[in-house]
Amino acid sequence: MPRPPPMLHTVLARLKFTGRSPAGILIAAALATVLFGAPAAKANQSFVPKRPGEVIFLRGLANIFSLGLDTLSEELRRYGVYSYVHNHKDWDKIGQQLIAKSRKGKLTYPIVIIGHSLGAGASPKLATMIGQEGIAVQYMVMLDAVEPLPVTNYVEDAINYYLPKRRGQNLITASKDFEGAYKNVNVKERLQGIDHFNIDENEILRGQMTKRIFELIKVEEAELRQEGR
């Protein structure tokens, strides 16, 4: 799993534990990235899935944070699930790839999107893009989105794990035509020691997400067996 370069890691550690605000840390991290460089997103190596579906993870700022998503993706791949991690800026490219696969009849379900921070903010954009091409998203998870967008009717089930801010600006809402299910969960009330920078690494949340992913996969596998596929 990629980690920040040693010098950059030291800078971030000092910033995080000297009382800086989250916004200040993000700004400083961006400056540090310019100075020291950021690790590239992990290349999607050749992988033959044994289970149906695709799980897309979207990281936050500059691939420095959100590395807990890499851990979860690797765990899913060990169980034969096709999952991959990208920076939040790649949501449009990922959407194009999914649409191309769908048109070739090579896309399998369920489609799951999980994003952290800026990646959480990009998740509804990706869901809407592919939804307009007839690709439904069965499960979308947003981990403390910076600027969450409304959930559109292309998503069947959405959950936003958030840390409360003033005026509720990081709560998700639904579009007028939304017919699925969505929920905002205040993790500060339920989990100790959780913050914006470690929410993606929380084992309880990871367990909940993994459980739901495999529930969806098993439903799809049962339907495929009934169809003789």
Protein backbone atom coordinates (compact mmCIF):
# COMPACT_ATOMS: atom_id res chain seq x y z
CA MET A 1 0.00 0.00 0.00
CA PRO A 2 1.53 3.36 -1.00
CA ARG A 3 2.53 5.77 1.74
CA PRO A 4 3.64 9.42 1.70
CA PRO A 5 7.39 9.97 1.19
CA PRO A 6 9.28 10.10 4.55
CA MET A 7 9.74 13.88 4.54
CA LEU A 8 6.14 14.49 3.59
CA HIS A 9 4.92 12.02 6.19
CA THR A 10 6.87 13.92 8.88
CA VAL A 11 5.40 17.25 7.80
CA LEU A 12 1.86 15.89 7.92
CA ALA A 13 2.38 14.23 11.29
CA ARG A 14 3.64 17.46 12.84
CA LEU A 15 0.77 19.45 11.40
CA LYS A 16 -1.81 16.96 12.58
CA PHE A 17 -0.69 16.96 16.19
CA THR A 18 0.00 20.66 16.71
CA GLY A 19 -3.60 21.77 16.93
CA ARG A 20 -4.07 22.83 13.34
CA SER A 21 -7.62 22.82 12.03
CA PRO A 22 -8.64 20.23 9.38
CA ALA A 23 -8.83 22.99 6.77
CA GLY A 24 -5.34 24.16 7.71
CA ILE A 25 -3.99 20.64 7.48
CA LEU A 26 -5.48 20.19 4.02
CA ILE A 27 -3.92 23.42 2.80
CA ALA A 28 -0.57 22.53 4.30
CA ALA A 29 -0.76 19.05 2.83
CA ALA A 30 -1.36 20.51 -0.60
CA LEU A 31 1.70 22.73 -0.22
CA ALA A 32 3.76 19.81 1.00
CA THR A 33 2.64 17.79 -2.01
CA VAL A 34 3.92 20.49 -4.33
CA LEU A 35 7.26 20.49 -2.51
CA PHE A 36 7.79 16.77 -2.12
CA GLY A 37 5.49 15.18 -4.68
CA ALA A 38 2.55 12.82 -4.11
CA PRO A 39 2.43 9.06 -4.56
CA ALA A 40 0.65 8.00 -7.71
CA ALA A 41 -2.56 6.02 -7.49
CA LYS A 42 -1.88 2.29 -7.47
CA ALA A 43 -1.96 0.84 -10.95
CA ASN A 44 -4.82 -1.56 -11.64
CA GLN A 45 -2.89 -4.77 -12.25
CA SER A 46 -4.23 -7.64 -14.33
CA PHE A 47 -6.92 -9.32 -12.25
CA VAL A 48 -9.41 -12.06 -13.06
CA PRO A 49 -12.47 -11.67 -10.80
CA LYS A 50 -14.18 -14.73 -9.36
CA ARG A 51 -17.25 -12.87 -8.16
CA PRO A 52 -19.62 -10.55 -10.06
CA GLY A 53 -19.65 -6.78 -9.65
CA GLU A 54 -17.28 -3.85 -9.48
CA VAL A 55 -16.28 -1.83 -6.41
CA ILE A 56 -14.84 1.60 -7.15
CA PHE A 57 -12.95 3.52 -4.47
CA LEU A 58 -12.30 7.26 -4.81
CA ARG A 59 -9.53 8.81 -2.73
CA GLY A 60 -9.36 12.36 -1.46
CA LEU A 61 -6.63 14.99 -1.77
CA ALA A 62 -3.57 14.09 -3.88
CA ASN A 63 -3.59 10.39 -2.87
CA ILE A 64 -1.98 11.40 0.43
CA PHE A 65 -4.99 10.52 2.56
CA SER A 66 -7.71 7.86 2.10
CA LEU A 67 -5.17 5.03 2.11
CA GLY A 68 -7.57 2.93 4.19
CA LEU A 69 -9.49 2.50 0.93
CA ASP A 70 -6.48 0.71 -0.53
CA THR A 71 -6.55 -1.78 2.33
CA LEU A 72 -10.23 -2.54 1.84
CA SER A 73 -9.81 -2.86 -1.93
CA GLU A 74 -6.97 -5.34 -1.46
CA GLU A 75 -9.08 -7.38 0.97
CA LEU A 76 -11.94 -7.58 -1.52
CA ARG A 77 -9.61 -8.64 -4.31
CA ARG A 78 -8.33 -11.49 -2.16
CA TYR A 79 -11.90 -12.80 -2.14
CA GLY A 80 -12.18 -12.52 -5.91
CA VAL A 81 -14.02 -9.20 -6.06
CA TYR A 82 -13.02 -6.76 -8.79
CA SER A 83 -12.16 -3.55 -6.95
CA TYR A 84 -9.83 -0.65 -7.66
CA VAL A 85 -8.77 2.70 -6.20
CA HIS A 86 -8.47 6.04 -8.00
CA ASN A 87 -8.04 9.69 -7.11
CA HIS A 88 -11.27 11.68 -6.93
CA LYS A 89 -10.30 13.62 -10.07
CA ASP A 90 -10.54 10.42 -12.13
CA TRP A 91 -14.30 9.98 -11.67
CA ASP A 92 -15.06 11.03 -15.26
CA LYS A 93 -12.48 8.62 -16.71
CA ILE A 94 -13.83 5.78 -14.57
CA GLY A 95 -17.34 6.58 -15.75
CA GLN A 96 -16.29 6.38 -19.38
CA GLN A 97 -14.66 3.00 -18.77
CA LEU A 98 -17.77 1.62 -17.07
CA ILE A 99 -20.00 2.88 -19.86
CA ALA A 100 -17.74 1.31 -22.49
CA LYS A 101 -17.84 -2.05 -20.67
CA SER A 102 -21.62 -1.84 -20.37
CA ARG A 103 -22.04 -1.22 -24.10
CA LYS A 104 -19.91 -4.30 -24.80
CA GLY A 105 -22.00 -6.38 -22.43
CA LYS A 106 -19.02 -6.99 -20.13
CA LEU A 107 -20.19 -5.07 -17.05
CA THR A 108 -21.34 -7.13 -14.07
CA TYR A 109 -23.30 -6.13 -10.99
CA PRO A 110 -23.49 -4.98 -8.25
CA ILE A 111 -21.87 -1.60 -8.86
CA VAL A 112 -20.52 -0.11 -5.63
CA ILE A 113 -18.93 3.34 -5.20
CA ILE A 114 -17.09 4.28 -2.00
CA GLY A 115 -15.43 7.67 -1.60
CA HIS A 116 -13.60 9.54 1.14
CA SER A 117 -13.36 13.33 1.55
CA LEU A 118 -13.15 14.84 -1.95
CA GLY A 119 -13.67 11.32 -3.25
CA ALA A 120 -16.98 11.19 -1.40
CA GLY A 121 -17.95 14.45 -3.08
CA ALA A 122 -17.14 12.98 -6.48
CA SER A 123 -19.11 9.76 -5.88
CA PRO A 124 -22.56 11.21 -6.77
CA LYS A 125 -21.04 12.69 -9.95
CA LEU A 126 -19.86 9.27 -11.05
CA ALA A 127 -23.16 7.65 -10.09
CA THR A 128 -25.15 10.21 -12.09
CA MET A 129 -22.85 9.95 -15.11
CA ILE A 130 -23.16 6.18 -15.45
CA GLY A 131 -26.80 6.22 -14.35
CA GLN A 132 -27.71 8.39 -17.33
CA GLU A 133 -26.36 5.55 -19.48
CA GLY A 134 -28.57 2.97 -17.78
CA ILE A 135 -26.05 1.72 -15.19
CA ALA A 136 -27.58 1.59 -11.72
CA VAL A 137 -25.46 1.90 -8.59
CA GLN A 138 -26.59 -0.58 -5.96
CA TYR A 139 -24.59 0.87 -3.06
CA MET A 140 -22.81 4.19 -2.55
CA VAL A 141 -20.85 5.11 0.58
CA MET A 142 -19.59 8.61 1.34
CA LEU A 143 -17.00 8.96 4.10
CA ASP A 144 -17.16 12.52 5.44
CA ALA A 145 -17.64 14.30 2.14
CA VAL A 146 -16.22 17.81 1.87
CA GLU A 147 -19.02 19.09 -0.37
CA PRO A 148 -21.66 16.36 -0.79
CA LEU A 149 -24.04 16.54 -3.74
CA PRO A 150 -27.65 15.32 -3.74
CA VAL A 151 -28.15 11.61 -4.34
CA THR A 152 -29.89 11.01 -7.66
CA ASN A 153 -32.33 8.31 -8.66
CA TYR A 154 -29.56 6.24 -10.23
CA VAL A 155 -28.50 5.06 -6.76
CA GLU A 156 -30.47 2.37 -4.95
CA ASP A 157 -28.87 2.69 -1.52
CA ALA A 158 -26.65 5.52 -0.22
CA ILE A 159 -25.10 6.13 3.17
CA ASN A 160 -23.11 9.14 4.34
CA TYR A 161 -20.84 8.60 7.34
CA TYR A 162 -20.08 12.14 8.45
CA LEU A 163 -18.53 14.27 11.16
CA PRO A 164 -20.89 17.15 12.01
CA LYS A 165 -20.15 20.65 10.77
CA ARG A 166 -21.95 23.93 11.14
CA ARG A 167 -25.36 24.20 9.48
CA GLY A 168 -25.20 20.57 8.36
CA GLN A 169 -23.36 21.39 5.14
CA ASN A 170 -21.89 17.88 4.89
CA LEU A 171 -25.23 16.05 5.02
CA ILE A 172 -26.51 14.38 1.88
CA THR A 173 -29.97 15.02 0.50
CA ALA A 174 -31.90 13.33 -2.28
CA SER A 175 -33.12 14.62 -5.62
CA LYS A 176 -36.88 15.07 -6.06
CA ASP A 177 -37.27 11.89 -8.12
CA PHE A 178 -35.20 9.72 -5.75
CA GLU A 179 -36.88 6.40 -4.99
CA GLY A 180 -34.09 4.55 -3.21
CA ALA A 181 -32.84 4.69 0.36
CA TYR A 182 -30.33 7.11 1.85
CA LYS A 183 -29.09 7.80 5.33
CA ASN A 184 -26.79 10.23 7.15
CA VAL A 185 -24.89 8.68 10.05
CA ASN A 186 -23.10 10.89 12.59
CA VAL A 187 -20.03 8.79 13.39
CA LYS A 188 -18.89 11.22 16.09
CA GLU A 189 -21.81 10.04 18.23
CA ARG A 190 -21.01 6.35 17.70
CA LEU A 191 -17.25 5.94 17.40
CA GLN A 192 -14.48 7.22 19.66
CA GLY A 193 -11.32 8.85 18.31
CA ILE A 194 -12.63 9.17 14.78
CA ASP A 195 -11.81 12.17 12.59
CA HIS A 196 -11.70 13.18 8.94
CA PHE A 197 -8.24 11.70 8.47
CA ASN A 198 -8.85 8.22 9.86
CA ILE A 199 -12.51 7.55 9.08
CA ASP A 200 -11.50 5.49 6.03
CA GLU A 201 -9.38 3.22 8.27
CA ASN A 202 -12.05 2.53 10.89
CA GLU A 203 -12.54 -1.22 11.25
CA ILE A 204 -16.18 -0.97 12.33
CA LEU A 205 -17.18 1.04 9.27
CA ARG A 206 -15.05 -1.18 7.05
CA GLY A 207 -16.83 -4.22 8.45
CA GLN A 208 -20.24 -2.70 7.74
CA MET A 209 -19.29 -1.83 4.18
CA THR A 210 -17.78 -5.25 3.52
CA LYS A 211 -20.87 -7.02 4.89
CA ARG A 212 -23.18 -5.04 2.63
CA ILE A 213 -20.97 -5.56 -0.44
CA PHE A 214 -21.01 -9.34 -0.02
CA GLU A 215 -24.77 -9.35 0.62
CA LEU A 216 -25.25 -7.68 -2.77
CA ILE A 217 -22.80 -10.02 -4.48
CA LYS A 218 -24.57 -13.10 -3.10
CA VAL A 219 -27.93 -11.82 -4.35
CA GLU A 220 -26.47 -11.31 -7.82
CA GLU A 221 -24.82 -14.75 -7.78
CA ALA A 222 -28.16 -16.36 -6.86
CA GLU A 223 -29.89 -14.59 -9.76
CA LEU A 224 -27.14 -15.68 -12.16
CA ARG A 225 -27.52 -19.31 -11.04
CA GLN A 226 -31.26 -19.15 -11.64
CA GLU A 227 -30.56 -17.89 -15.15
CA GLY A 228 -28.09 -20.72 -15.67
CA ARG A 229 -25.12 -18.38 -16.08
